[in-house]
Amino acid sequence: MPDSAPPTQSSAAEDMPFKRMVIVATAASLAVAYGWLAGFVRQPDGGLTFHWRWQVLVWTVIGFLSTIYFWRKVWPKNRPKGSRMDITKGAAVVLLPALWWLTFPLRSLSGEHFRQVMEGLIAAAIVLAFGALMLIRLARSFESDEDGENDRTDSET
């Protein structure tokens, strides 16, 4: 049986086309989504229709630039990984407009119905945050296991 070579880590030059594809695709998709949502106008009968307004262009630019900023913080050019503070800043910049548009359907609700919807959304947010916390802890435990294995193999040699 032929020996299989261990997988090598790809260089920064090999990762660049992938990073560009991810950056452009996510920036374009959020730009289109924000612009599309900004063009909706509520009709007197309660329906929504799309009308071109300058807000569409403004929100398209916000979506594009916030996503570009986020990825520049996650994958900086001068270092292999972004710092925790940079990633937090980038996430805040991309999440603020996203939260604005996630609350868009709630603007037409009022009274008791609004309260019930908010209770459900808060419960969902708590469950999703707990799930994210568990995934983060699981990933960290895998990373610490890998580091422990690397330390053991280094000490054996």
Protein backbone atom coordinates (compact mmCIF):
# COMPACT_ATOMS: atom_id res chain seq x y z
CA MET A 1 0.00 0.00 0.00
CA PRO A 2 1.39 3.41 -0.88
CA ASP A 3 2.09 5.72 2.01
CA SER A 4 -0.20 8.68 2.06
CA ALA A 5 1.45 11.96 2.78
CA PRO A 6 0.04 13.98 5.65
CA PRO A 7 -2.12 16.91 4.55
CA THR A 8 -0.19 20.13 4.35
CA GLN A 9 -1.54 23.51 5.32
CA SER A 10 -2.27 25.69 2.35
CA SER A 11 -0.30 28.85 1.95
CA ALA A 12 -1.77 32.32 2.07
CA ALA A 13 -1.42 32.63 -1.71
CA GLU A 14 -3.48 29.47 -2.24
CA ASP A 15 -6.20 30.71 0.11
CA MET A 16 -6.55 34.11 -1.57
CA PRO A 17 -8.96 33.08 -4.38
CA PHE A 18 -11.19 31.32 -1.85
CA LYS A 19 -11.15 34.33 0.47
CA ARG A 20 -11.99 36.68 -2.40
CA MET A 21 -14.87 34.45 -3.48
CA VAL A 22 -16.29 34.35 0.05
CA ILE A 23 -15.89 38.12 0.53
CA VAL A 24 -17.50 39.05 -2.80
CA ALA A 25 -20.32 36.51 -2.52
CA THR A 26 -21.35 37.45 1.01
CA ALA A 27 -20.97 41.18 0.39
CA ALA A 28 -23.06 41.00 -2.78
CA SER A 29 -25.76 38.87 -1.16
CA LEU A 30 -26.14 41.13 1.87
CA ALA A 31 -26.08 44.22 -0.34
CA VAL A 32 -28.89 42.83 -2.50
CA ALA A 33 -30.89 41.70 0.53
CA TYR A 34 -30.63 45.08 2.29
CA GLY A 35 -31.45 46.98 -0.88
CA TRP A 36 -34.42 44.72 -1.58
CA LEU A 37 -35.79 45.20 1.94
CA ALA A 38 -35.30 48.97 1.78
CA GLY A 39 -37.49 49.17 -1.31
CA PHE A 40 -40.62 47.80 0.33
CA VAL A 41 -43.48 50.18 0.98
CA ARG A 42 -46.52 49.24 3.06
CA GLN A 43 -49.81 49.77 1.24
CA PRO A 44 -53.01 51.02 2.95
CA ASP A 45 -54.47 47.49 2.74
CA GLY A 46 -51.45 46.11 4.66
CA GLY A 47 -49.62 44.61 1.68
CA LEU A 48 -46.04 45.32 0.72
CA THR A 49 -44.86 46.44 -2.70
CA PHE A 50 -41.43 47.30 -4.02
CA HIS A 51 -40.77 50.89 -5.08
CA TRP A 52 -37.43 52.31 -6.13
CA ARG A 53 -36.20 54.92 -3.67
CA TRP A 54 -32.76 56.27 -2.93
CA GLN A 55 -32.86 54.34 0.33
CA VAL A 56 -32.39 51.20 -1.77
CA LEU A 57 -29.01 52.44 -2.96
CA VAL A 58 -27.98 53.61 0.51
CA TRP A 59 -28.84 50.25 2.09
CA THR A 60 -27.13 48.37 -0.73
CA VAL A 61 -23.92 50.30 -0.04
CA ILE A 62 -24.30 49.71 3.72
CA GLY A 63 -24.70 45.97 3.15
CA PHE A 64 -21.72 45.79 0.82
CA LEU A 65 -19.33 47.90 2.92
CA SER A 66 -20.26 46.38 6.28
CA THR A 67 -19.60 42.88 4.94
CA ILE A 68 -16.30 43.91 3.36
CA TYR A 69 -15.27 45.50 6.70
CA PHE A 70 -16.20 42.32 8.57
CA TRP A 71 -14.11 40.07 6.33
CA ARG A 72 -11.16 42.49 6.43
CA LYS A 73 -11.21 42.19 10.22
CA VAL A 74 -11.49 38.39 10.15
CA TRP A 75 -8.84 37.90 7.44
CA PRO A 76 -6.41 40.84 7.65
CA LYS A 77 -3.81 41.13 4.91
CA ASN A 78 -0.78 41.58 7.15
CA ARG A 79 -1.43 38.64 9.54
CA PRO A 80 -2.90 35.16 9.15
CA LYS A 81 -5.77 35.65 11.64
CA GLY A 82 -7.70 38.59 13.01
CA SER A 83 -7.45 39.43 16.68
CA ARG A 84 -10.43 38.84 18.93
CA MET A 85 -11.07 42.60 19.21
CA ASP A 86 -10.98 43.04 15.42
CA ILE A 87 -13.40 40.17 14.90
CA THR A 88 -15.73 41.62 17.55
CA LYS A 89 -15.69 45.03 15.85
CA GLY A 90 -16.31 43.47 12.45
CA ALA A 91 -19.17 41.36 13.80
CA ALA A 92 -20.77 44.41 15.41
CA VAL A 93 -20.57 46.35 12.13
CA VAL A 94 -22.21 43.55 10.16
CA LEU A 95 -24.79 42.66 12.84
CA LEU A 96 -26.22 46.14 13.45
CA PRO A 97 -27.81 46.52 9.99
CA ALA A 98 -28.83 42.85 10.06
CA LEU A 99 -30.68 43.38 13.33
CA TRP A 100 -32.35 46.45 11.86
CA TRP A 101 -33.77 44.39 9.00
CA LEU A 102 -34.63 41.41 11.20
CA THR A 103 -36.94 43.67 13.19
CA PHE A 104 -38.55 45.02 10.00
CA PRO A 105 -41.68 42.82 10.20
CA LEU A 106 -42.20 43.76 13.85
CA ARG A 107 -42.80 47.43 13.02
CA SER A 108 -46.40 46.79 11.98
CA LEU A 109 -47.30 44.87 15.16
CA SER A 110 -48.87 46.49 18.20
CA GLY A 111 -50.22 45.69 21.63
CA GLU A 112 -50.61 42.15 22.91
CA HIS A 113 -49.64 40.56 19.61
CA PHE A 114 -46.31 42.44 19.67
CA ARG A 115 -45.62 41.23 23.21
CA GLN A 116 -46.32 37.60 22.29
CA VAL A 117 -44.10 37.78 19.23
CA MET A 118 -41.28 39.37 21.25
CA GLU A 119 -41.52 36.66 23.92
CA GLY A 120 -41.13 34.00 21.24
CA LEU A 121 -38.21 35.80 19.62
CA ILE A 122 -36.45 36.27 22.94
CA ALA A 123 -36.91 32.57 23.76
CA ALA A 124 -35.51 31.63 20.35
CA ALA A 125 -32.55 33.99 20.82
CA ILE A 126 -31.77 32.43 24.21
CA VAL A 127 -31.88 28.90 22.78
CA LEU A 128 -29.73 29.85 19.78
CA ALA A 129 -27.21 31.67 21.98
CA PHE A 130 -26.97 28.62 24.24
CA GLY A 131 -26.43 26.39 21.20
CA ALA A 132 -23.72 28.72 19.89
CA LEU A 133 -22.03 28.70 23.30
CA MET A 134 -22.04 24.90 23.32
CA LEU A 135 -20.54 24.76 19.81
CA ILE A 136 -17.82 27.23 20.78
CA ARG A 137 -16.96 25.21 23.88
CA LEU A 138 -16.91 22.00 21.83
CA ALA A 139 -14.57 23.55 19.26
CA ARG A 140 -12.26 24.81 22.01
CA SER A 141 -12.15 21.38 23.61
CA PHE A 142 -11.17 19.83 20.26
CA GLU A 143 -8.46 22.47 19.85
CA SER A 144 -7.10 21.80 23.33
CA ASP A 145 -7.10 18.04 22.63
CA GLU A 146 -5.11 18.62 19.43
CA ASP A 147 -2.66 20.86 21.28
CA GLY A 148 -2.24 18.19 23.97
CA GLU A 149 -1.56 15.52 21.34
CA ASN A 150 0.99 17.78 19.62
CA ASP A 151 2.73 18.41 22.95
CA ARG A 152 2.90 14.66 23.65
CA THR A 153 4.35 13.84 20.22
CA ASP A 154 6.87 16.68 20.54
CA SER A 155 8.07 15.38 23.92
CA GLU A 156 8.43 11.82 22.59
CA THR A 157 10.84 12.89 19.85
